[in-house]
Amino acid sequence: MARLTLTAFVSLDGVTQAPAGPDEDTTGGFGYGGWLVPYADDGMGAFMAEVFDRSGAYLLGRRTYDIFAAYWPRVTDPEDPIASRLNTLPKHVVSTTLTTPAWENTTVVSGDVPAAVARLKERTEEGELQIHGSGVLARSLMAHDLIDEYNLLVHPVYLGAGRRLFPEGGQPTAFELVGARTTGSGIAIQTYRPAGRARFGTLE
């Protein structure tokens, strides 16, 4: 059974929308796309290479899938640590409208998504089943306690607007920190695993 992991680029105020470019996602009039670009450095690249090296399959939302499918199949260097994995390993895209995906090794997930994802975790025998970005999908799976590990790359920028990773009204959850590092540009990379429901008390 595979571990389901989420890797997300996050601002200081929790925004995950359109990190890599101004036209990536303008939903809601979001005008700050590309906010990670000034901080992208070798440390971030090294961490992402490590993440992809652990992958066995991918689970993506439709928007993230379309962004990836428009770029990564054109990267044909067999030594590229990301393209070499994305272009060959199984990809599962959650969509109600996509019927004939062109990207090799892609299957469409629809219907009861949480149940389908639970089955995918059972069927993935080697490596991690990885979510990258895909905020809407990630939030829906959080509600069913299906994500086993969170890689959060927290960038030193406050945006004040945009879609956030953790939704209002979500189930309060405690996490265990299992890894941490900081890149030269100030990205705080934190890896967390859920540790049950959040507990509350009083300081005396």
N, C-alpha and C. Protein backbone atom coordinates (compact mmCIF):
# COMPACT_ATOMS: atom_id res chain seq x y z
N MET A 1 0.84 -1.20 0.00
CA MET A 1 0.00 0.00 0.00
C MET A 1 0.88 1.25 0.00
N ALA A 2 0.57 2.19 -0.87
CA ALA A 2 1.37 3.40 -0.99
C ALA A 2 0.93 4.47 -0.01
N ARG A 3 1.88 5.30 0.36
CA ARG A 3 1.59 6.50 1.13
C ARG A 3 1.14 7.58 0.15
N LEU A 4 0.05 8.28 0.47
CA LEU A 4 -0.42 9.40 -0.34
C LEU A 4 0.19 10.68 0.21
N THR A 5 1.01 11.34 -0.60
CA THR A 5 1.70 12.55 -0.15
C THR A 5 1.26 13.74 -0.98
N LEU A 6 1.28 14.89 -0.34
CA LEU A 6 0.96 16.16 -1.00
C LEU A 6 2.17 17.06 -0.93
N THR A 7 2.57 17.63 -2.06
CA THR A 7 3.62 18.62 -2.10
C THR A 7 3.04 19.91 -2.63
N ALA A 8 3.18 20.99 -1.84
CA ALA A 8 2.53 22.25 -2.20
C ALA A 8 3.44 23.43 -1.93
N PHE A 9 3.43 24.39 -2.83
CA PHE A 9 4.09 25.67 -2.63
C PHE A 9 3.10 26.58 -1.92
N VAL A 10 3.53 27.21 -0.83
CA VAL A 10 2.63 27.97 0.03
C VAL A 10 3.25 29.31 0.38
N SER A 11 2.42 30.37 0.39
CA SER A 11 2.88 31.67 0.88
C SER A 11 2.79 31.71 2.41
N LEU A 12 3.31 32.76 3.01
CA LEU A 12 3.24 32.87 4.47
C LEU A 12 1.81 32.88 4.98
N ASP A 13 0.89 33.40 4.18
CA ASP A 13 -0.51 33.41 4.62
C ASP A 13 -1.31 32.25 4.02
N GLY A 14 -0.61 31.19 3.60
CA GLY A 14 -1.27 29.94 3.24
C GLY A 14 -1.79 29.84 1.83
N VAL A 15 -1.48 30.82 0.97
CA VAL A 15 -1.99 30.81 -0.41
C VAL A 15 -1.20 29.81 -1.24
N THR A 16 -1.91 29.03 -2.05
CA THR A 16 -1.28 28.08 -2.97
C THR A 16 -1.62 28.38 -4.43
N GLN A 17 -2.43 29.36 -4.67
CA GLN A 17 -2.92 29.63 -6.02
C GLN A 17 -1.81 30.20 -6.92
N ALA A 18 -1.69 29.63 -8.12
CA ALA A 18 -0.83 30.16 -9.18
C ALA A 18 0.58 30.51 -8.73
N PRO A 19 1.32 29.57 -8.16
CA PRO A 19 2.66 29.92 -7.69
C PRO A 19 3.67 30.18 -8.81
N ALA A 20 3.48 29.54 -9.98
CA ALA A 20 4.56 29.51 -10.95
C ALA A 20 4.42 30.46 -12.13
N GLY A 21 3.29 31.17 -12.25
CA GLY A 21 3.17 32.07 -13.39
C GLY A 21 1.91 32.90 -13.33
N PRO A 22 1.91 34.08 -13.97
CA PRO A 22 0.77 35.00 -13.89
C PRO A 22 -0.50 34.47 -14.52
N ASP A 23 -0.39 33.57 -15.49
CA ASP A 23 -1.57 33.05 -16.17
C ASP A 23 -1.96 31.65 -15.71
N GLU A 24 -1.30 31.17 -14.68
CA GLU A 24 -1.53 29.79 -14.24
C GLU A 24 -2.94 29.59 -13.71
N ASP A 25 -3.44 30.53 -12.92
CA ASP A 25 -4.79 30.43 -12.36
C ASP A 25 -5.23 31.81 -11.90
N THR A 26 -6.08 32.45 -12.68
CA THR A 26 -6.57 33.80 -12.34
C THR A 26 -7.96 33.76 -11.74
N THR A 27 -8.41 32.59 -11.30
CA THR A 27 -9.74 32.45 -10.71
C THR A 27 -9.95 33.48 -9.60
N GLY A 28 -11.14 34.11 -9.60
CA GLY A 28 -11.45 35.10 -8.58
C GLY A 28 -10.70 36.41 -8.78
N GLY A 29 -10.15 36.61 -9.97
CA GLY A 29 -9.40 37.83 -10.24
C GLY A 29 -8.02 37.87 -9.61
N PHE A 30 -7.49 36.69 -9.28
CA PHE A 30 -6.18 36.64 -8.63
C PHE A 30 -5.12 37.22 -9.55
N GLY A 31 -4.39 38.21 -9.05
CA GLY A 31 -3.42 38.91 -9.88
C GLY A 31 -1.99 38.79 -9.44
N TYR A 32 -1.69 37.82 -8.59
CA TYR A 32 -0.33 37.69 -8.04
C TYR A 32 0.36 36.41 -8.49
N GLY A 33 -0.07 35.84 -9.59
CA GLY A 33 0.53 34.60 -10.06
C GLY A 33 2.02 34.74 -10.33
N GLY A 34 2.76 33.68 -10.03
CA GLY A 34 4.20 33.67 -10.20
C GLY A 34 4.97 34.12 -8.97
N TRP A 35 4.32 34.05 -7.81
CA TRP A 35 4.93 34.58 -6.59
C TRP A 35 6.11 33.74 -6.08
N LEU A 36 6.22 32.49 -6.52
CA LEU A 36 7.37 31.70 -6.04
C LEU A 36 8.65 31.99 -6.83
N VAL A 37 8.50 32.54 -8.04
CA VAL A 37 9.63 32.65 -8.97
C VAL A 37 10.83 33.38 -8.37
N PRO A 38 10.65 34.51 -7.64
CA PRO A 38 11.83 35.19 -7.09
C PRO A 38 12.61 34.36 -6.06
N TYR A 39 11.99 33.30 -5.54
CA TYR A 39 12.62 32.52 -4.48
C TYR A 39 13.10 31.15 -4.96
N ALA A 40 12.78 30.78 -6.19
CA ALA A 40 13.20 29.47 -6.70
C ALA A 40 14.73 29.40 -6.73
N ASP A 41 15.30 28.40 -6.09
CA ASP A 41 16.75 28.29 -6.01
C ASP A 41 17.17 26.83 -6.06
N ASP A 42 18.47 26.60 -5.96
CA ASP A 42 18.98 25.23 -6.04
C ASP A 42 18.46 24.35 -4.91
N GLY A 43 18.26 24.94 -3.73
CA GLY A 43 17.76 24.17 -2.61
C GLY A 43 16.35 23.66 -2.87
N MET A 44 15.51 24.50 -3.45
CA MET A 44 14.16 24.07 -3.80
C MET A 44 14.21 22.99 -4.87
N GLY A 45 15.06 23.18 -5.87
CA GLY A 45 15.18 22.19 -6.93
C GLY A 45 15.67 20.85 -6.43
N ALA A 46 16.62 20.87 -5.49
CA ALA A 46 17.14 19.63 -4.94
C ALA A 46 16.06 18.88 -4.16
N PHE A 47 15.26 19.61 -3.39
CA PHE A 47 14.20 18.96 -2.63
C PHE A 47 13.17 18.35 -3.56
N MET A 48 12.77 19.09 -4.59
CA MET A 48 11.77 18.56 -5.52
C MET A 48 12.29 17.33 -6.23
N ALA A 49 13.57 17.30 -6.57
CA ALA A 49 14.14 16.11 -7.19
C ALA A 49 14.05 14.91 -6.24
N GLU A 50 14.29 15.14 -4.96
CA GLU A 50 14.17 14.07 -3.96
C GLU A 50 12.74 13.55 -3.89
N VAL A 51 11.78 14.48 -3.91
CA VAL A 51 10.37 14.08 -3.84
C VAL A 51 10.01 13.22 -5.04
N PHE A 52 10.34 13.68 -6.24
CA PHE A 52 9.97 12.92 -7.44
C PHE A 52 10.70 11.57 -7.49
N ASP A 53 11.88 11.49 -6.90
CA ASP A 53 12.60 10.23 -6.88
C ASP A 53 11.89 9.17 -6.06
N ARG A 54 11.01 9.59 -5.15
CA ARG A 54 10.26 8.64 -4.31
C ARG A 54 8.92 8.25 -4.94
N SER A 55 8.58 8.82 -6.07
CA SER A 55 7.24 8.63 -6.63
C SER A 55 7.07 7.26 -7.28
N GLY A 56 5.84 6.76 -7.16
CA GLY A 56 5.46 5.54 -7.86
C GLY A 56 4.31 5.78 -8.80
N ALA A 57 3.52 6.84 -8.51
CA ALA A 57 2.39 7.22 -9.35
C ALA A 57 1.95 8.61 -8.90
N TYR A 58 1.11 9.24 -9.74
CA TYR A 58 0.68 10.61 -9.45
C TYR A 58 -0.84 10.70 -9.47
N LEU A 59 -1.35 11.55 -8.59
CA LEU A 59 -2.77 11.85 -8.52
C LEU A 59 -2.91 13.36 -8.65
N LEU A 60 -3.58 13.82 -9.69
CA LEU A 60 -3.61 15.24 -10.01
C LEU A 60 -5.03 15.73 -10.25
N GLY A 61 -5.27 16.99 -9.86
CA GLY A 61 -6.50 17.65 -10.25
C GLY A 61 -6.42 18.05 -11.72
N ARG A 62 -7.57 18.37 -12.30
CA ARG A 62 -7.60 18.65 -13.75
C ARG A 62 -6.75 19.86 -14.13
N ARG A 63 -6.80 20.94 -13.35
CA ARG A 63 -6.03 22.13 -13.71
C ARG A 63 -4.53 21.84 -13.67
N THR A 64 -4.07 21.21 -12.60
CA THR A 64 -2.65 20.88 -12.50
C THR A 64 -2.24 19.91 -13.60
N TYR A 65 -3.10 18.93 -13.88
CA TYR A 65 -2.79 17.98 -14.95
C TYR A 65 -2.60 18.70 -16.28
N ASP A 66 -3.51 19.62 -16.60
CA ASP A 66 -3.40 20.33 -17.88
C ASP A 66 -2.12 21.15 -17.95
N ILE A 67 -1.73 21.78 -16.84
CA ILE A 67 -0.49 22.56 -16.81
C ILE A 67 0.71 21.64 -17.04
N PHE A 68 0.74 20.52 -16.32
CA PHE A 68 1.84 19.57 -16.46
C PHE A 68 1.89 18.98 -17.88
N ALA A 69 0.72 18.60 -18.41
CA ALA A 69 0.66 17.94 -19.71
C ALA A 69 1.07 18.86 -20.84
N ALA A 70 0.94 20.16 -20.62
CA ALA A 70 1.33 21.12 -21.66
C ALA A 70 2.84 21.34 -21.69
N TYR A 71 3.53 20.94 -20.63
CA TYR A 71 4.96 21.23 -20.55
C TYR A 71 5.85 19.99 -20.50
N TRP A 72 5.59 19.08 -19.56
CA TRP A 72 6.55 18.03 -19.28
C TRP A 72 6.76 17.02 -20.41
N PRO A 73 5.76 16.68 -21.22
CA PRO A 73 6.04 15.76 -22.33
C PRO A 73 7.06 16.31 -23.32
N ARG A 74 7.27 17.61 -23.33
CA ARG A 74 8.25 18.22 -24.25
C ARG A 74 9.67 18.19 -23.68
N VAL A 75 9.79 17.81 -22.39
CA VAL A 75 11.11 17.69 -21.78
C VAL A 75 11.54 16.23 -21.95
N THR A 76 12.44 15.99 -22.87
CA THR A 76 12.78 14.61 -23.25
C THR A 76 14.13 14.12 -22.72
N ASP A 77 14.79 14.94 -21.92
CA ASP A 77 16.08 14.54 -21.35
C ASP A 77 15.86 13.39 -20.36
N PRO A 78 16.39 12.20 -20.62
CA PRO A 78 16.16 11.07 -19.71
C PRO A 78 16.80 11.26 -18.34
N GLU A 79 17.71 12.24 -18.22
CA GLU A 79 18.36 12.51 -16.95
C GLU A 79 17.61 13.55 -16.12
N ASP A 80 16.59 14.18 -16.69
CA ASP A 80 15.84 15.17 -15.93
C ASP A 80 15.10 14.47 -14.79
N PRO A 81 15.32 14.88 -13.53
CA PRO A 81 14.77 14.12 -12.40
C PRO A 81 13.25 14.18 -12.29
N ILE A 82 12.64 15.18 -12.90
CA ILE A 82 11.19 15.31 -12.83
C ILE A 82 10.53 14.74 -14.08
N ALA A 83 10.96 15.19 -15.25
CA ALA A 83 10.36 14.73 -16.50
C ALA A 83 10.48 13.22 -16.67
N SER A 84 11.63 12.66 -16.29
CA SER A 84 11.84 11.23 -16.47
C SER A 84 10.85 10.40 -15.66
N ARG A 85 10.35 10.96 -14.58
CA ARG A 85 9.36 10.25 -13.76
C ARG A 85 7.93 10.55 -14.25
N LEU A 86 7.63 11.84 -14.44
CA LEU A 86 6.28 12.21 -14.85
C LEU A 86 5.89 11.58 -16.18
N ASN A 87 6.82 11.49 -17.10
CA ASN A 87 6.49 11.01 -18.43
C ASN A 87 6.36 9.50 -18.53
N THR A 88 6.78 8.78 -17.51
CA THR A 88 6.77 7.32 -17.60
C THR A 88 5.87 6.65 -16.56
N LEU A 89 5.71 7.25 -15.40
CA LEU A 89 4.94 6.61 -14.34
C LEU A 89 3.43 6.85 -14.52
N PRO A 90 2.60 6.02 -13.87
CA PRO A 90 1.15 6.20 -13.99
C PRO A 90 0.69 7.55 -13.44
N LYS A 91 -0.23 8.16 -14.17
CA LYS A 91 -0.83 9.43 -13.75
C LYS A 91 -2.33 9.24 -13.69
N HIS A 92 -2.94 9.67 -12.59
CA HIS A 92 -4.38 9.56 -12.39
C HIS A 92 -4.92 10.98 -12.24
N VAL A 93 -5.80 11.40 -13.13
CA VAL A 93 -6.33 12.75 -13.10
C VAL A 93 -7.80 12.70 -12.74
N VAL A 94 -8.18 13.51 -11.75
CA VAL A 94 -9.57 13.55 -11.30
C VAL A 94 -10.31 14.56 -12.16
N SER A 95 -11.31 14.08 -12.89
CA SER A 95 -12.04 14.95 -13.80
C SER A 95 -13.39 14.33 -14.15
N THR A 96 -14.38 15.20 -14.36
CA THR A 96 -15.69 14.74 -14.83
C THR A 96 -15.87 15.01 -16.31
N THR A 97 -14.90 15.68 -16.93
CA THR A 97 -15.05 16.05 -18.35
C THR A 97 -13.98 15.47 -19.26
N LEU A 98 -12.82 15.15 -18.73
CA LEU A 98 -11.74 14.58 -19.55
C LEU A 98 -12.06 13.12 -19.86
N THR A 99 -12.02 12.77 -21.14
CA THR A 99 -12.36 11.40 -21.52
C THR A 99 -11.22 10.68 -22.22
N THR A 100 -10.42 11.38 -23.02
CA THR A 100 -9.35 10.74 -23.78
C THR A 100 -8.04 11.49 -23.57
N PRO A 101 -7.41 11.32 -22.41
CA PRO A 101 -6.15 12.03 -22.16
C PRO A 101 -5.05 11.60 -23.12
N ALA A 102 -4.30 12.57 -23.63
CA ALA A 102 -3.26 12.27 -24.61
C ALA A 102 -1.93 11.91 -23.98
N TRP A 103 -1.71 12.35 -22.74
CA TRP A 103 -0.42 12.10 -22.09
C TRP A 103 -0.31 10.62 -21.74
N GLU A 104 0.77 10.01 -22.12
CA GLU A 104 0.96 8.58 -21.92
C GLU A 104 0.81 8.18 -20.45
N ASN A 105 0.22 7.00 -20.24
CA ASN A 105 0.04 6.42 -18.90
C ASN A 105 -0.88 7.24 -18.01
N THR A 106 -1.90 7.83 -18.60
CA THR A 106 -2.88 8.61 -17.83
C THR A 106 -4.21 7.88 -17.79
N THR A 107 -4.81 7.82 -16.59
CA THR A 107 -6.17 7.31 -16.44
C THR A 107 -7.00 8.38 -15.74
N VAL A 108 -8.29 8.38 -16.01
CA VAL A 108 -9.20 9.37 -15.44
C VAL A 108 -9.92 8.76 -14.25
N VAL A 109 -9.98 9.54 -13.17
CA VAL A 109 -10.69 9.15 -11.95
C VAL A 109 -11.94 10.00 -11.85
N SER A 110 -13.09 9.37 -11.70
CA SER A 110 -14.35 10.10 -11.54
C SER A 110 -15.25 9.33 -10.59
N GLY A 111 -16.47 9.82 -10.43
CA GLY A 111 -17.40 9.15 -9.53
C GLY A 111 -17.06 9.41 -8.07
N ASP A 112 -17.03 8.36 -7.26
CA ASP A 112 -16.72 8.46 -5.84
C ASP A 112 -15.21 8.59 -5.69
N VAL A 113 -14.71 9.83 -5.70
CA VAL A 113 -13.27 10.06 -5.73
C VAL A 113 -12.58 9.54 -4.47
N PRO A 114 -13.06 9.83 -3.25
CA PRO A 114 -12.37 9.30 -2.07
C PRO A 114 -12.23 7.78 -2.09
N ALA A 115 -13.28 7.08 -2.50
CA ALA A 115 -13.20 5.62 -2.57
C ALA A 115 -12.21 5.19 -3.64
N ALA A 116 -12.20 5.89 -4.77
CA ALA A 116 -11.26 5.56 -5.84
C ALA A 116 -9.82 5.79 -5.40
N VAL A 117 -9.60 6.88 -4.66
CA VAL A 117 -8.24 7.18 -4.18
C VAL A 117 -7.79 6.14 -3.17
N ALA A 118 -8.69 5.71 -2.30
CA ALA A 118 -8.34 4.66 -1.34
C ALA A 118 -7.91 3.39 -2.07
N ARG A 119 -8.59 3.08 -3.18
CA ARG A 119 -8.21 1.90 -3.96
C ARG A 119 -6.86 2.10 -4.64
N LEU A 120 -6.61 3.33 -5.13
CA LEU A 120 -5.32 3.61 -5.76
C LEU A 120 -4.18 3.43 -4.77
N LYS A 121 -4.38 3.87 -3.53
CA LYS A 121 -3.36 3.68 -2.51
C LYS A 121 -3.08 2.19 -2.31
N GLU A 122 -4.11 1.39 -2.33
CA GLU A 122 -3.93 -0.05 -2.15
C GLU A 122 -3.19 -0.67 -3.33
N ARG A 123 -3.46 -0.16 -4.54
CA ARG A 123 -2.90 -0.79 -5.74
C ARG A 123 -1.49 -0.33 -6.07
N THR A 124 -1.08 0.84 -5.57
CA THR A 124 0.25 1.35 -5.86
C THR A 124 1.25 0.63 -4.95
N GLU A 125 2.06 -0.23 -5.54
CA GLU A 125 2.90 -1.13 -4.76
C GLU A 125 4.30 -0.59 -4.50
N GLU A 126 4.78 0.29 -5.38
CA GLU A 126 6.14 0.82 -5.22
C GLU A 126 6.10 2.34 -5.24
N GLY A 127 6.83 2.94 -4.31
CA GLY A 127 6.91 4.40 -4.27
C GLY A 127 5.66 5.04 -3.70
N GLU A 128 5.68 6.35 -3.68
CA GLU A 128 4.55 7.13 -3.15
C GLU A 128 3.54 7.41 -4.25
N LEU A 129 2.29 7.51 -3.86
CA LEU A 129 1.25 8.09 -4.70
C LEU A 129 1.26 9.57 -4.37
N GLN A 130 1.63 10.42 -5.33
CA GLN A 130 1.92 11.82 -5.04
C GLN A 130 0.90 12.78 -5.66
N ILE A 131 0.47 13.74 -4.83
CA ILE A 131 -0.30 14.89 -5.31
C ILE A 131 0.66 16.07 -5.38
N HIS A 132 0.62 16.79 -6.48
CA HIS A 132 1.39 18.03 -6.61
C HIS A 132 0.41 19.15 -6.91
N GLY A 133 0.46 20.22 -6.09
CA GLY A 133 -0.51 21.29 -6.28
C GLY A 133 -1.91 20.75 -6.07
N SER A 134 -2.79 20.98 -7.08
CA SER A 134 -4.13 20.36 -7.07
C SER A 134 -4.89 20.67 -5.79
N GLY A 135 -4.99 21.97 -5.46
CA GLY A 135 -5.55 22.38 -4.18
C GLY A 135 -6.97 21.91 -3.95
N VAL A 136 -7.83 22.00 -4.96
CA VAL A 136 -9.23 21.58 -4.78
C VAL A 136 -9.29 20.10 -4.44
N LEU A 137 -8.54 19.31 -5.18
CA LEU A 137 -8.49 17.86 -4.90
C LEU A 137 -7.93 17.60 -3.51
N ALA A 138 -6.84 18.28 -3.16
CA ALA A 138 -6.21 18.06 -1.86
C ALA A 138 -7.19 18.36 -0.73
N ARG A 139 -7.90 19.47 -0.83
CA ARG A 139 -8.85 19.82 0.24
C ARG A 139 -9.95 18.79 0.37
N SER A 140 -10.41 18.24 -0.75
CA SER A 140 -11.47 17.23 -0.67
C SER A 140 -10.97 15.95 -0.01
N LEU A 141 -9.70 15.61 -0.23
CA LEU A 141 -9.15 14.39 0.37
C LEU A 141 -8.79 14.59 1.83
N MET A 142 -8.42 15.82 2.21
CA MET A 142 -8.17 16.11 3.63
C MET A 142 -9.41 15.79 4.46
N ALA A 143 -10.57 16.10 3.92
CA ALA A 143 -11.82 15.89 4.66
C ALA A 143 -12.07 14.42 4.94
N HIS A 144 -11.38 13.54 4.20
CA HIS A 144 -11.56 12.10 4.40
C HIS A 144 -10.31 11.46 5.01
N ASP A 145 -9.38 12.29 5.50
CA ASP A 145 -8.16 11.79 6.16
C ASP A 145 -7.37 10.84 5.26
N LEU A 146 -7.30 11.16 3.97
CA LEU A 146 -6.63 10.27 3.03
C LEU A 146 -5.18 10.66 2.76
N ILE A 147 -4.78 11.87 3.10
CA ILE A 147 -3.41 12.31 2.84
C ILE A 147 -2.53 11.92 4.02
N ASP A 148 -1.45 11.20 3.73
CA ASP A 148 -0.59 10.66 4.78
C ASP A 148 0.60 11.55 5.12
N GLU A 149 0.98 12.43 4.20
CA GLU A 149 2.15 13.27 4.44
C GLU A 149 2.04 14.55 3.61
N TYR A 150 2.46 15.66 4.22
CA TYR A 150 2.39 16.97 3.59
C TYR A 150 3.80 17.55 3.48
N ASN A 151 4.24 17.85 2.26
CA ASN A 151 5.48 18.59 2.04
C ASN A 151 5.10 20.03 1.71
N LEU A 152 5.34 20.94 2.64
CA LEU A 152 4.95 22.33 2.44
C LEU A 152 6.19 23.18 2.23
N LEU A 153 6.28 23.82 1.08
CA LEU A 153 7.40 24.71 0.78
C LEU A 153 6.91 26.14 1.00
N VAL A 154 7.17 26.66 2.20
CA VAL A 154 6.61 27.94 2.62
C VAL A 154 7.55 29.06 2.18
N HIS A 155 7.06 29.92 1.30
CA HIS A 155 7.86 30.99 0.73
C HIS A 155 7.72 32.27 1.55
N PRO A 156 8.79 33.05 1.66
CA PRO A 156 8.75 34.26 2.50
C PRO A 156 8.07 35.43 1.80
N VAL A 157 6.77 35.26 1.53
CA VAL A 157 6.00 36.32 0.89
C VAL A 157 4.56 36.25 1.40
N TYR A 158 4.00 37.42 1.67
CA TYR A 158 2.59 37.55 2.09
C TYR A 158 1.81 38.09 0.91
N LEU A 159 0.67 37.46 0.57
CA LEU A 159 -0.10 37.86 -0.60
C LEU A 159 -1.40 38.57 -0.26
N GLY A 160 -2.08 38.14 0.78
CA GLY A 160 -3.31 38.81 1.19
C GLY A 160 -4.54 38.44 0.39
N ALA A 161 -4.40 37.57 -0.59
CA ALA A 161 -5.53 37.13 -1.40
C ALA A 161 -5.15 35.83 -2.07
N GLY A 162 -6.17 35.09 -2.50
CA GLY A 162 -5.92 33.85 -3.23
C GLY A 162 -6.41 32.63 -2.48
N ARG A 163 -6.51 31.53 -3.20
CA ARG A 163 -6.97 30.28 -2.61
C ARG A 163 -5.91 29.73 -1.66
N ARG A 164 -6.36 29.28 -0.52
CA ARG A 164 -5.46 28.77 0.50
C ARG A 164 -5.53 27.25 0.56
N LEU A 165 -4.47 26.66 1.08
CA LEU A 165 -4.41 25.20 1.14
C LEU A 165 -5.42 24.65 2.12
N PHE A 166 -5.44 25.17 3.33
CA PHE A 166 -6.34 24.64 4.35
C PHE A 166 -7.63 25.46 4.38
N PRO A 167 -8.77 24.83 4.22
CA PRO A 167 -10.03 25.56 4.10
C PRO A 167 -10.59 26.00 5.44
N GLU A 168 -11.40 27.05 5.39
CA GLU A 168 -12.19 27.41 6.57
C GLU A 168 -13.17 26.28 6.86
N GLY A 169 -13.35 25.98 8.13
CA GLY A 169 -14.32 24.96 8.50
C GLY A 169 -13.81 23.54 8.40
N GLY A 170 -12.52 23.36 8.12
CA GLY A 170 -11.98 22.01 8.06
C GLY A 170 -11.88 21.39 9.44
N GLN A 171 -11.66 20.09 9.48
CA GLN A 171 -11.55 19.37 10.74
C GLN A 171 -10.23 19.72 11.43
N PRO A 172 -10.24 20.25 12.66
CA PRO A 172 -8.99 20.54 13.37
C PRO A 172 -8.13 19.28 13.51
N THR A 173 -6.89 19.36 13.08
CA THR A 173 -6.02 18.19 13.02
C THR A 173 -4.64 18.54 13.56
N ALA A 174 -4.07 17.65 14.33
CA ALA A 174 -2.69 17.81 14.81
C ALA A 174 -1.74 17.17 13.81
N PHE A 175 -0.50 17.69 13.75
CA PHE A 175 0.49 17.16 12.83
C PHE A 175 1.81 16.93 13.56
N GLU A 176 2.55 15.95 13.06
CA GLU A 176 3.90 15.67 13.56
C GLU A 176 4.91 16.15 12.52
N LEU A 177 5.86 16.98 12.94
CA LEU A 177 6.91 17.44 12.04
C LEU A 177 7.96 16.33 11.89
N VAL A 178 8.17 15.86 10.65
CA VAL A 178 9.10 14.76 10.43
C VAL A 178 10.30 15.16 9.57
N GLY A 179 10.32 16.42 9.12
CA GLY A 179 11.46 16.88 8.34
C GLY A 179 11.40 18.39 8.17
N ALA A 180 12.57 19.04 8.15
CA ALA A 180 12.61 20.50 7.98
C ALA A 180 13.97 20.92 7.45
N ARG A 181 13.94 21.88 6.56
CA ARG A 181 15.16 22.50 6.06
C ARG A 181 14.81 23.88 5.52
N THR A 182 15.80 24.70 5.31
CA THR A 182 15.59 26.03 4.75
C THR A 182 16.53 26.23 3.58
N THR A 183 16.03 26.77 2.48
CA THR A 183 16.87 27.00 1.31
C THR A 183 17.55 28.36 1.43
N GLY A 184 18.49 28.62 0.55
CA GLY A 184 19.24 29.87 0.58
C GLY A 184 18.38 31.09 0.38
N SER A 185 17.28 30.96 -0.36
CA SER A 185 16.41 32.11 -0.60
C SER A 185 15.37 32.32 0.49
N GLY A 186 15.36 31.42 1.48
CA GLY A 186 14.44 31.58 2.61
C GLY A 186 13.19 30.75 2.56
N ILE A 187 13.12 29.77 1.65
CA ILE A 187 11.97 28.87 1.63
C ILE A 187 12.11 27.88 2.80
N ALA A 188 11.10 27.82 3.65
CA ALA A 188 11.08 26.88 4.76
C ALA A 188 10.34 25.62 4.30
N ILE A 189 11.06 24.53 4.16
CA ILE A 189 10.46 23.28 3.70
C ILE A 189 10.17 22.41 4.92
N GLN A 190 8.89 22.12 5.11
CA GLN A 190 8.45 21.38 6.29
C GLN A 190 7.63 20.18 5.86
N THR A 191 7.96 19.03 6.41
CA THR A 191 7.22 17.81 6.12
C THR A 191 6.46 17.38 7.36
N TYR A 192 5.15 17.22 7.22
CA TYR A 192 4.29 16.88 8.34
C TYR A 192 3.49 15.61 8.05
N ARG A 193 3.19 14.87 9.12
CA ARG A 193 2.26 13.75 9.03
C ARG A 193 1.11 13.97 10.01
N PRO A 194 -0.11 13.70 9.60
CA PRO A 194 -1.24 13.85 10.51
C PRO A 194 -1.06 13.00 11.76
N ALA A 195 -1.45 13.57 12.91
CA ALA A 195 -1.28 12.88 14.19
C ALA A 195 -2.56 12.89 15.00
N GLY A 196 -3.69 12.71 14.33
CA GLY A 196 -4.96 12.66 15.03
C GLY A 196 -5.61 14.02 15.13
N ARG A 197 -6.69 14.09 15.84
CA ARG A 197 -7.42 15.34 16.00
C ARG A 197 -6.67 16.30 16.92
N ALA A 198 -6.82 17.58 16.62
CA ALA A 198 -6.18 18.60 17.45
C ALA A 198 -6.75 18.55 18.87
N ARG A 199 -5.88 18.81 19.85
CA ARG A 199 -6.30 18.87 21.25
C ARG A 199 -6.17 20.30 21.75
N PHE A 200 -6.90 20.62 22.78
CA PHE A 200 -6.96 21.99 23.27
C PHE A 200 -6.87 22.00 24.79
N GLY A 201 -6.34 23.10 25.33
CA GLY A 201 -6.20 23.18 26.78
C GLY A 201 -6.04 24.63 27.22
N THR A 202 -5.57 24.82 28.43
CA THR A 202 -5.40 26.15 29.00
C THR A 202 -4.00 26.25 29.60
N LEU A 203 -3.30 27.32 29.29
CA LEU A 203 -2.01 27.58 29.93
C LEU A 203 -2.25 28.23 31.29
N GLU A 204 -1.65 27.67 32.30
CA GLU A 204 -1.84 28.23 33.65
C GLU A 204 -0.48 28.56 34.27
